[in-house]
Amino acid sequence: MSVVCEIRFSFSWILDQLPKLCPINRSTDLNVLKEKFEVPSPNNPTGKSDLPGIYVFVSTADPEKELPLVTANTILSILATNYPIEKLSCYVSDDGGALLTFGAMTEAANFANVWVPFCRKHNIEPRNPESYFNLKRDPYKNKVKLDFVKDRRRVKREYYEFKVMINGLPNSR
């Protein structure tokens, strides 16, 4: 009985080791996805995006523990993703029902009208405004559009006004 168990465990160990000898690394090829889902084909004659809808839920609890600016930046980065707009929905759930969070999300929705088109037009990475404006590398590198500098200055100015507005809300830090 012991020998049978040892043979079984040895066989199981060998089966466990085989995938490790030749690991599979996968990466997303955005061009292939675009060809498959956004180019006219027999399955998709209109060429409209055939990607599935995505629903993102952001939960918050207490604006004292989770700063409204962090939540707003999270929402902005979700909305600015490179995904068809009509297929992306973002919902915010505030367990505490704080007016501070509501005010911050209202301001975030107003700023999203500026941030999202800027990200999509200039292919901005990272899409979180706080991270983007605090980058140490040159933001103008590899940008060939002539209006990028003007747009970036305008959006940066509006982002800092947005931050002041969020941080100036009552009960915010």
N, C-alpha and C. Protein backbone atom coordinates (compact mmCIF):
# COMPACT_ATOMS: atom_id res chain seq x y z
N MET A 1 0.82 -1.18 0.00
CA MET A 1 0.00 0.00 0.00
C MET A 1 0.88 1.26 0.00
N SER A 2 1.96 1.19 0.75
CA SER A 2 2.87 2.32 0.82
C SER A 2 3.52 2.59 -0.54
N VAL A 3 3.88 1.55 -1.23
CA VAL A 3 4.51 1.70 -2.55
C VAL A 3 3.53 2.32 -3.54
N VAL A 4 2.27 1.90 -3.50
CA VAL A 4 1.26 2.44 -4.38
C VAL A 4 1.05 3.93 -4.11
N CYS A 5 1.02 4.31 -2.84
CA CYS A 5 0.87 5.73 -2.48
C CYS A 5 2.07 6.54 -2.96
N GLU A 6 3.27 6.01 -2.80
CA GLU A 6 4.48 6.70 -3.26
C GLU A 6 4.46 6.89 -4.77
N ILE A 7 4.03 5.87 -5.50
CA ILE A 7 3.96 5.98 -6.96
C ILE A 7 2.93 7.04 -7.35
N ARG A 8 1.81 7.03 -6.67
CA ARG A 8 0.78 8.03 -6.96
C ARG A 8 1.28 9.44 -6.69
N PHE A 9 1.92 9.67 -5.55
CA PHE A 9 2.43 10.99 -5.22
C PHE A 9 3.55 11.40 -6.17
N SER A 10 4.38 10.45 -6.59
CA SER A 10 5.44 10.75 -7.56
C SER A 10 4.83 11.18 -8.89
N PHE A 11 3.83 10.46 -9.33
CA PHE A 11 3.15 10.81 -10.57
C PHE A 11 2.50 12.19 -10.46
N SER A 12 1.88 12.46 -9.34
CA SER A 12 1.26 13.76 -9.10
C SER A 12 2.31 14.87 -9.10
N TRP A 13 3.48 14.60 -8.50
CA TRP A 13 4.55 15.59 -8.46
C TRP A 13 5.07 15.87 -9.87
N ILE A 14 5.22 14.85 -10.69
CA ILE A 14 5.70 15.02 -12.07
C ILE A 14 4.69 15.86 -12.86
N LEU A 15 3.41 15.56 -12.70
CA LEU A 15 2.39 16.36 -13.39
C LEU A 15 2.40 17.82 -12.92
N ASP A 16 2.74 18.02 -11.68
CA ASP A 16 2.82 19.38 -11.15
C ASP A 16 4.05 20.12 -11.69
N GLN A 17 5.14 19.40 -11.96
CA GLN A 17 6.38 20.02 -12.42
C GLN A 17 6.40 20.31 -13.92
N LEU A 18 5.66 19.57 -14.71
CA LEU A 18 5.69 19.74 -16.17
C LEU A 18 5.35 21.16 -16.62
N PRO A 19 4.30 21.81 -16.12
CA PRO A 19 4.03 23.18 -16.57
C PRO A 19 5.13 24.17 -16.19
N LYS A 20 5.88 23.86 -15.16
CA LYS A 20 6.94 24.76 -14.73
C LYS A 20 8.15 24.69 -15.65
N LEU A 21 8.29 23.61 -16.40
CA LEU A 21 9.41 23.48 -17.33
C LEU A 21 9.25 24.39 -18.54
N CYS A 22 8.04 24.61 -18.95
CA CYS A 22 7.76 25.44 -20.12
C CYS A 22 6.61 26.39 -19.78
N PRO A 23 6.90 27.45 -19.01
CA PRO A 23 5.82 28.34 -18.58
C PRO A 23 5.26 29.15 -19.76
N ILE A 24 4.00 29.50 -19.64
CA ILE A 24 3.32 30.28 -20.65
C ILE A 24 3.16 31.70 -20.12
N ASN A 25 3.70 32.65 -20.84
CA ASN A 25 3.55 34.06 -20.48
C ASN A 25 2.64 34.70 -21.51
N ARG A 26 1.59 35.32 -21.04
CA ARG A 26 0.63 35.94 -21.94
C ARG A 26 0.63 37.44 -21.75
N SER A 27 0.46 38.12 -22.87
CA SER A 27 0.33 39.57 -22.81
C SER A 27 -0.77 39.98 -23.80
N THR A 28 -1.36 41.11 -23.52
CA THR A 28 -2.45 41.60 -24.34
C THR A 28 -1.90 42.39 -25.52
N ASP A 29 -2.33 42.05 -26.70
CA ASP A 29 -1.95 42.79 -27.90
C ASP A 29 -3.15 43.64 -28.30
N LEU A 30 -3.05 44.93 -28.01
CA LEU A 30 -4.18 45.83 -28.23
C LEU A 30 -4.54 45.96 -29.71
N ASN A 31 -3.55 45.84 -30.59
CA ASN A 31 -3.85 45.94 -32.03
C ASN A 31 -4.72 44.77 -32.50
N VAL A 32 -4.44 43.58 -31.99
CA VAL A 32 -5.24 42.42 -32.36
C VAL A 32 -6.67 42.57 -31.83
N LEU A 33 -6.80 43.05 -30.61
CA LEU A 33 -8.13 43.29 -30.06
C LEU A 33 -8.90 44.32 -30.88
N LYS A 34 -8.19 45.37 -31.29
CA LYS A 34 -8.84 46.40 -32.09
C LYS A 34 -9.31 45.82 -33.43
N GLU A 35 -8.45 45.02 -34.07
CA GLU A 35 -8.84 44.39 -35.33
C GLU A 35 -10.05 43.48 -35.15
N LYS A 36 -10.04 42.73 -34.05
CA LYS A 36 -11.10 41.76 -33.84
C LYS A 36 -12.44 42.40 -33.49
N PHE A 37 -12.40 43.47 -32.69
CA PHE A 37 -13.64 44.01 -32.15
C PHE A 37 -14.06 45.35 -32.74
N GLU A 38 -13.17 46.07 -33.40
CA GLU A 38 -13.53 47.41 -33.85
C GLU A 38 -13.40 47.62 -35.36
N VAL A 39 -13.03 46.62 -36.10
CA VAL A 39 -12.91 46.73 -37.55
C VAL A 39 -14.09 45.99 -38.18
N PRO A 40 -14.68 46.57 -39.23
CA PRO A 40 -15.81 45.87 -39.87
C PRO A 40 -15.41 44.48 -40.35
N SER A 41 -16.27 43.52 -40.06
CA SER A 41 -16.03 42.13 -40.45
C SER A 41 -17.39 41.48 -40.69
N PRO A 42 -17.41 40.24 -41.17
CA PRO A 42 -18.71 39.58 -41.35
C PRO A 42 -19.51 39.45 -40.06
N ASN A 43 -18.82 39.26 -38.94
CA ASN A 43 -19.52 39.15 -37.66
C ASN A 43 -19.91 40.51 -37.09
N ASN A 44 -19.19 41.57 -37.50
CA ASN A 44 -19.43 42.91 -36.99
C ASN A 44 -19.43 43.89 -38.17
N PRO A 45 -20.51 43.91 -38.96
CA PRO A 45 -20.51 44.70 -40.20
C PRO A 45 -20.40 46.21 -40.00
N THR A 46 -20.86 46.72 -38.86
CA THR A 46 -20.82 48.17 -38.65
C THR A 46 -19.45 48.65 -38.18
N GLY A 47 -18.65 47.76 -37.63
CA GLY A 47 -17.34 48.17 -37.11
C GLY A 47 -17.43 48.79 -35.74
N LYS A 48 -18.64 48.81 -35.15
CA LYS A 48 -18.77 49.32 -33.79
C LYS A 48 -18.13 48.34 -32.83
N SER A 49 -17.74 48.84 -31.70
CA SER A 49 -17.07 47.99 -30.73
C SER A 49 -17.96 46.84 -30.29
N ASP A 50 -17.41 45.66 -30.35
CA ASP A 50 -18.12 44.45 -29.95
C ASP A 50 -17.62 43.96 -28.59
N LEU A 51 -16.85 44.80 -27.91
CA LEU A 51 -16.34 44.43 -26.59
C LEU A 51 -17.48 44.41 -25.58
N PRO A 52 -17.37 43.60 -24.55
CA PRO A 52 -18.44 43.56 -23.54
C PRO A 52 -18.43 44.81 -22.67
N GLY A 53 -19.56 45.09 -22.07
CA GLY A 53 -19.65 46.22 -21.17
C GLY A 53 -18.93 45.93 -19.86
N ILE A 54 -18.35 46.97 -19.28
CA ILE A 54 -17.64 46.83 -18.01
C ILE A 54 -18.30 47.77 -17.00
N TYR A 55 -18.59 47.22 -15.83
CA TYR A 55 -19.15 47.99 -14.74
C TYR A 55 -18.15 47.98 -13.60
N VAL A 56 -17.70 49.15 -13.19
CA VAL A 56 -16.73 49.27 -12.11
C VAL A 56 -17.42 49.91 -10.91
N PHE A 57 -17.32 49.25 -9.76
CA PHE A 57 -17.91 49.76 -8.54
C PHE A 57 -16.80 50.21 -7.61
N VAL A 58 -16.88 51.46 -7.16
CA VAL A 58 -15.91 52.01 -6.21
C VAL A 58 -16.66 52.23 -4.91
N SER A 59 -16.20 51.57 -3.87
CA SER A 59 -16.85 51.69 -2.56
C SER A 59 -16.03 52.58 -1.65
N THR A 60 -16.70 53.47 -0.97
CA THR A 60 -16.06 54.33 0.03
C THR A 60 -16.82 54.19 1.33
N ALA A 61 -16.16 54.51 2.41
CA ALA A 61 -16.82 54.38 3.71
C ALA A 61 -16.84 55.69 4.46
N ASP A 62 -15.68 56.24 4.72
CA ASP A 62 -15.58 57.42 5.57
C ASP A 62 -14.61 58.41 4.93
N PRO A 63 -15.05 59.63 4.65
CA PRO A 63 -14.14 60.59 4.02
C PRO A 63 -12.99 61.02 4.93
N GLU A 64 -13.09 60.71 6.21
CA GLU A 64 -11.97 61.01 7.11
C GLU A 64 -10.83 60.02 6.93
N LYS A 65 -11.18 58.78 6.62
CA LYS A 65 -10.17 57.73 6.45
C LYS A 65 -9.73 57.61 4.99
N GLU A 66 -10.66 57.76 4.07
CA GLU A 66 -10.37 57.71 2.64
C GLU A 66 -10.56 59.12 2.10
N LEU A 67 -9.48 59.79 1.80
CA LEU A 67 -9.56 61.16 1.36
C LEU A 67 -10.36 61.28 0.06
N PRO A 68 -11.24 62.25 -0.02
CA PRO A 68 -12.05 62.41 -1.23
C PRO A 68 -11.22 62.62 -2.50
N LEU A 69 -10.05 63.25 -2.37
CA LEU A 69 -9.20 63.46 -3.54
C LEU A 69 -8.69 62.13 -4.11
N VAL A 70 -8.37 61.19 -3.23
CA VAL A 70 -7.91 59.87 -3.68
C VAL A 70 -9.04 59.14 -4.40
N THR A 71 -10.22 59.21 -3.84
CA THR A 71 -11.38 58.57 -4.48
C THR A 71 -11.68 59.23 -5.82
N ALA A 72 -11.60 60.55 -5.88
CA ALA A 72 -11.86 61.27 -7.13
C ALA A 72 -10.82 60.90 -8.19
N ASN A 73 -9.55 60.80 -7.80
CA ASN A 73 -8.51 60.40 -8.76
C ASN A 73 -8.74 58.97 -9.25
N THR A 74 -9.23 58.11 -8.39
CA THR A 74 -9.55 56.74 -8.80
C THR A 74 -10.65 56.75 -9.85
N ILE A 75 -11.68 57.52 -9.61
CA ILE A 75 -12.80 57.63 -10.55
C ILE A 75 -12.31 58.20 -11.89
N LEU A 76 -11.47 59.21 -11.83
CA LEU A 76 -10.97 59.83 -13.05
C LEU A 76 -10.11 58.86 -13.86
N SER A 77 -9.30 58.06 -13.18
CA SER A 77 -8.47 57.10 -13.91
C SER A 77 -9.31 55.99 -14.53
N ILE A 78 -10.40 55.61 -13.87
CA ILE A 78 -11.30 54.59 -14.44
C ILE A 78 -11.99 55.15 -15.68
N LEU A 79 -12.48 56.37 -15.60
CA LEU A 79 -13.20 56.96 -16.72
C LEU A 79 -12.29 57.22 -17.92
N ALA A 80 -11.00 57.41 -17.67
CA ALA A 80 -10.07 57.74 -18.75
C ALA A 80 -9.43 56.51 -19.39
N THR A 81 -9.85 55.33 -19.01
CA THR A 81 -9.26 54.13 -19.60
C THR A 81 -9.53 54.08 -21.10
N ASN A 82 -8.68 53.34 -21.79
CA ASN A 82 -8.79 53.22 -23.24
C ASN A 82 -9.79 52.11 -23.57
N TYR A 83 -11.05 52.43 -23.39
CA TYR A 83 -12.14 51.48 -23.60
C TYR A 83 -13.30 52.26 -24.19
N PRO A 84 -14.13 51.67 -25.02
CA PRO A 84 -15.25 52.43 -25.60
C PRO A 84 -16.13 53.05 -24.52
N ILE A 85 -16.39 54.31 -24.67
CA ILE A 85 -17.13 55.07 -23.64
C ILE A 85 -18.51 54.48 -23.38
N GLU A 86 -19.18 54.07 -24.44
CA GLU A 86 -20.54 53.55 -24.26
C GLU A 86 -20.56 52.20 -23.56
N LYS A 87 -19.42 51.55 -23.42
CA LYS A 87 -19.35 50.23 -22.79
C LYS A 87 -18.81 50.28 -21.36
N LEU A 88 -18.47 51.47 -20.86
CA LEU A 88 -17.84 51.61 -19.55
C LEU A 88 -18.76 52.38 -18.61
N SER A 89 -19.01 51.80 -17.45
CA SER A 89 -19.82 52.47 -16.43
C SER A 89 -19.08 52.41 -15.11
N CYS A 90 -19.14 53.50 -14.37
CA CYS A 90 -18.47 53.57 -13.07
C CYS A 90 -19.49 54.01 -12.03
N TYR A 91 -19.62 53.23 -10.98
CA TYR A 91 -20.57 53.52 -9.91
C TYR A 91 -19.81 53.74 -8.61
N VAL A 92 -20.24 54.74 -7.86
CA VAL A 92 -19.62 55.04 -6.56
C VAL A 92 -20.64 54.73 -5.49
N SER A 93 -20.21 53.92 -4.52
CA SER A 93 -21.07 53.57 -3.40
C SER A 93 -20.44 54.12 -2.12
N ASP A 94 -21.15 55.01 -1.47
CA ASP A 94 -20.64 55.61 -0.23
C ASP A 94 -21.46 55.07 0.92
N ASP A 95 -20.85 54.18 1.70
CA ASP A 95 -21.56 53.55 2.81
C ASP A 95 -22.00 54.56 3.87
N GLY A 96 -21.20 55.61 4.04
CA GLY A 96 -21.53 56.60 5.05
C GLY A 96 -22.50 57.65 4.55
N GLY A 97 -22.68 57.75 3.25
CA GLY A 97 -23.57 58.77 2.69
C GLY A 97 -23.13 60.18 3.03
N ALA A 98 -21.82 60.41 3.03
CA ALA A 98 -21.28 61.70 3.44
C ALA A 98 -21.48 62.75 2.35
N LEU A 99 -21.88 63.94 2.76
CA LEU A 99 -22.03 65.04 1.80
C LEU A 99 -20.68 65.45 1.23
N LEU A 100 -19.62 65.26 2.00
CA LEU A 100 -18.28 65.58 1.52
C LEU A 100 -17.92 64.72 0.31
N THR A 101 -18.20 63.44 0.38
CA THR A 101 -17.92 62.54 -0.75
C THR A 101 -18.79 62.91 -1.93
N PHE A 102 -20.04 63.24 -1.69
CA PHE A 102 -20.94 63.64 -2.78
C PHE A 102 -20.42 64.90 -3.47
N GLY A 103 -19.99 65.88 -2.69
CA GLY A 103 -19.44 67.11 -3.28
C GLY A 103 -18.18 66.85 -4.07
N ALA A 104 -17.32 65.99 -3.53
CA ALA A 104 -16.08 65.66 -4.23
C ALA A 104 -16.36 64.93 -5.54
N MET A 105 -17.32 64.02 -5.54
CA MET A 105 -17.64 63.28 -6.77
C MET A 105 -18.31 64.19 -7.80
N THR A 106 -19.05 65.19 -7.33
CA THR A 106 -19.64 66.16 -8.25
C THR A 106 -18.54 66.96 -8.95
N GLU A 107 -17.56 67.40 -8.16
CA GLU A 107 -16.42 68.12 -8.74
C GLU A 107 -15.61 67.21 -9.67
N ALA A 108 -15.47 65.94 -9.30
CA ALA A 108 -14.74 64.99 -10.14
C ALA A 108 -15.46 64.80 -11.48
N ALA A 109 -16.78 64.76 -11.45
CA ALA A 109 -17.54 64.62 -12.69
C ALA A 109 -17.34 65.84 -13.59
N ASN A 110 -17.28 67.02 -12.99
CA ASN A 110 -17.03 68.23 -13.78
C ASN A 110 -15.63 68.23 -14.37
N PHE A 111 -14.64 67.82 -13.58
CA PHE A 111 -13.26 67.79 -14.08
C PHE A 111 -13.07 66.67 -15.10
N ALA A 112 -13.85 65.61 -15.01
CA ALA A 112 -13.75 64.50 -15.98
C ALA A 112 -14.06 64.98 -17.39
N ASN A 113 -14.89 66.01 -17.52
CA ASN A 113 -15.18 66.57 -18.84
C ASN A 113 -13.94 67.15 -19.50
N VAL A 114 -12.93 67.49 -18.70
CA VAL A 114 -11.67 68.01 -19.23
C VAL A 114 -10.62 66.90 -19.31
N TRP A 115 -10.51 66.11 -18.25
CA TRP A 115 -9.45 65.11 -18.13
C TRP A 115 -9.59 63.95 -19.13
N VAL A 116 -10.78 63.41 -19.27
CA VAL A 116 -10.97 62.24 -20.13
C VAL A 116 -10.66 62.55 -21.59
N PRO A 117 -11.19 63.64 -22.17
CA PRO A 117 -10.82 63.93 -23.56
C PRO A 117 -9.32 64.19 -23.73
N PHE A 118 -8.69 64.83 -22.74
CA PHE A 118 -7.25 65.07 -22.81
C PHE A 118 -6.48 63.75 -22.85
N CYS A 119 -6.86 62.80 -21.99
CA CYS A 119 -6.18 61.50 -21.96
C CYS A 119 -6.36 60.75 -23.27
N ARG A 120 -7.56 60.75 -23.80
CA ARG A 120 -7.84 60.02 -25.04
C ARG A 120 -7.18 60.68 -26.24
N LYS A 121 -7.15 61.99 -26.27
CA LYS A 121 -6.57 62.71 -27.41
C LYS A 121 -5.06 62.51 -27.49
N HIS A 122 -4.38 62.56 -26.33
CA HIS A 122 -2.92 62.51 -26.31
C HIS A 122 -2.36 61.18 -25.81
N ASN A 123 -3.24 60.20 -25.59
CA ASN A 123 -2.82 58.88 -25.12
C ASN A 123 -1.94 58.99 -23.87
N ILE A 124 -2.47 59.59 -22.84
CA ILE A 124 -1.75 59.86 -21.59
C ILE A 124 -1.64 58.60 -20.76
N GLU A 125 -0.47 58.36 -20.22
CA GLU A 125 -0.22 57.28 -19.25
C GLU A 125 0.67 57.85 -18.17
N PRO A 126 0.45 57.63 -16.92
CA PRO A 126 -0.68 56.98 -16.27
C PRO A 126 -1.91 57.88 -16.35
N ARG A 127 -3.06 57.28 -16.20
CA ARG A 127 -4.31 58.02 -16.38
C ARG A 127 -4.85 58.61 -15.08
N ASN A 128 -4.15 58.40 -13.99
CA ASN A 128 -4.50 59.04 -12.73
C ASN A 128 -3.88 60.43 -12.75
N PRO A 129 -4.67 61.51 -12.62
CA PRO A 129 -4.09 62.86 -12.76
C PRO A 129 -3.00 63.16 -11.74
N GLU A 130 -3.17 62.71 -10.51
CA GLU A 130 -2.14 62.98 -9.49
C GLU A 130 -0.82 62.33 -9.88
N SER A 131 -0.88 61.09 -10.32
CA SER A 131 0.34 60.38 -10.73
C SER A 131 0.94 61.01 -11.98
N TYR A 132 0.10 61.39 -12.91
CA TYR A 132 0.60 61.96 -14.17
C TYR A 132 1.32 63.28 -13.94
N PHE A 133 0.74 64.17 -13.15
CA PHE A 133 1.35 65.48 -12.96
C PHE A 133 2.53 65.44 -11.99
N ASN A 134 2.74 64.33 -11.29
CA ASN A 134 3.89 64.19 -10.40
C ASN A 134 5.00 63.33 -11.01
N LEU A 135 4.91 63.02 -12.29
CA LEU A 135 5.95 62.22 -12.94
C LEU A 135 7.28 62.95 -12.93
N LYS A 136 8.36 62.18 -12.80
CA LYS A 136 9.69 62.76 -12.81
C LYS A 136 10.26 62.85 -14.23
N ARG A 137 9.71 62.04 -15.16
CA ARG A 137 10.23 62.06 -16.53
C ARG A 137 9.61 63.20 -17.32
N ASP A 138 10.17 63.47 -18.48
CA ASP A 138 9.73 64.56 -19.34
C ASP A 138 8.38 64.22 -19.96
N PRO A 139 7.32 64.98 -19.66
CA PRO A 139 5.99 64.67 -20.21
C PRO A 139 5.87 65.00 -21.69
N TYR A 140 6.79 65.77 -22.23
CA TYR A 140 6.71 66.20 -23.63
C TYR A 140 7.42 65.24 -24.57
N LYS A 141 8.09 64.24 -24.02
CA LYS A 141 8.84 63.31 -24.84
C LYS A 141 7.87 62.44 -25.67
N ASN A 142 8.17 62.26 -26.93
CA ASN A 142 7.40 61.45 -27.88
C ASN A 142 6.00 62.00 -28.15
N LYS A 143 5.75 63.25 -27.85
CA LYS A 143 4.46 63.87 -28.16
C LYS A 143 4.66 64.74 -29.40
N VAL A 144 3.98 64.42 -30.47
CA VAL A 144 4.18 65.12 -31.73
C VAL A 144 3.08 66.13 -32.02
N LYS A 145 1.97 66.07 -31.34
CA LYS A 145 0.89 67.01 -31.60
C LYS A 145 1.27 68.40 -31.09
N LEU A 146 1.02 69.38 -31.92
CA LEU A 146 1.43 70.74 -31.59
C LEU A 146 0.64 71.33 -30.44
N ASP A 147 -0.60 70.92 -30.27
CA ASP A 147 -1.42 71.49 -29.21
C ASP A 147 -1.27 70.78 -27.88
N PHE A 148 -0.38 69.79 -27.79
CA PHE A 148 -0.21 69.05 -26.54
C PHE A 148 0.24 69.96 -25.40
N VAL A 149 1.23 70.81 -25.64
CA VAL A 149 1.76 71.67 -24.58
C VAL A 149 0.68 72.60 -24.05
N LYS A 150 -0.07 73.20 -24.96
CA LYS A 150 -1.14 74.10 -24.55
C LYS A 150 -2.22 73.35 -23.76
N ASP A 151 -2.60 72.18 -24.27
CA ASP A 151 -3.62 71.38 -23.58
C ASP A 151 -3.14 70.94 -22.20
N ARG A 152 -1.88 70.51 -22.12
CA ARG A 152 -1.35 70.03 -20.84
C ARG A 152 -1.33 71.15 -19.81
N ARG A 153 -0.90 72.33 -20.20
CA ARG A 153 -0.88 73.46 -19.26
C ARG A 153 -2.29 73.80 -18.78
N ARG A 154 -3.25 73.78 -19.71
CA ARG A 154 -4.64 74.09 -19.35
C ARG A 154 -5.20 73.04 -18.38
N VAL A 155 -4.96 71.76 -18.68
CA VAL A 155 -5.48 70.69 -17.83
C VAL A 155 -4.78 70.68 -16.48
N LYS A 156 -3.47 70.95 -16.47
CA LYS A 156 -2.74 71.00 -15.20
C LYS A 156 -3.26 72.12 -14.31
N ARG A 157 -3.51 73.28 -14.91
CA ARG A 157 -4.06 74.41 -14.15
C ARG A 157 -5.44 74.05 -13.59
N GLU A 158 -6.27 73.43 -14.44
CA GLU A 158 -7.61 73.05 -13.98
C GLU A 158 -7.55 71.95 -12.93
N TYR A 159 -6.56 71.06 -13.03
CA TYR A 159 -6.43 70.01 -12.02
C TYR A 159 -6.06 70.62 -10.67
N TYR A 160 -5.15 71.57 -10.66
CA TYR A 160 -4.78 72.18 -9.38
C TYR A 160 -5.93 72.99 -8.80
N GLU A 161 -6.73 73.60 -9.66
CA GLU A 161 -7.96 74.26 -9.16
C GLU A 161 -8.93 73.23 -8.59
N PHE A 162 -9.02 72.08 -9.26
CA PHE A 162 -9.87 70.97 -8.79
C PHE A 162 -9.39 70.48 -7.42
N LYS A 163 -8.07 70.32 -7.24
CA LYS A 163 -7.53 69.89 -5.95
C LYS A 163 -7.84 70.89 -4.85
N VAL A 164 -7.68 72.17 -5.16
CA VAL A 164 -7.98 73.20 -4.17
C VAL A 164 -9.46 73.15 -3.80
N MET A 165 -10.31 72.95 -4.80
CA MET A 165 -11.75 72.88 -4.56
C MET A 165 -12.08 71.68 -3.66
N ILE A 166 -11.50 70.51 -3.96
CA ILE A 166 -11.77 69.31 -3.16
C ILE A 166 -11.24 69.48 -1.74
N ASN A 167 -10.01 69.97 -1.62
CA ASN A 167 -9.42 70.14 -0.29
C ASN A 167 -10.07 71.27 0.49
N GLY A 168 -10.77 72.17 -0.20
CA GLY A 168 -11.45 73.27 0.47
C GLY A 168 -12.86 72.93 0.89
N LEU A 169 -13.35 71.75 0.52
CA LEU A 169 -14.69 71.37 0.95
C LEU A 169 -14.74 71.23 2.47
N PRO A 170 -15.87 71.54 3.09
CA PRO A 170 -15.96 71.41 4.55
C PRO A 170 -15.62 69.99 5.02
N ASN A 171 -14.94 69.89 6.12
CA ASN A 171 -14.54 68.62 6.74
C ASN A 171 -13.48 67.85 5.96
N SER A 172 -12.87 68.43 4.94
CA SER A 172 -11.80 67.71 4.24
C SER A 172 -10.47 68.14 4.81
N ARG A 173 -9.48 67.30 4.60
CA ARG A 173 -8.16 67.59 5.15
C ARG A 173 -7.33 68.37 4.19
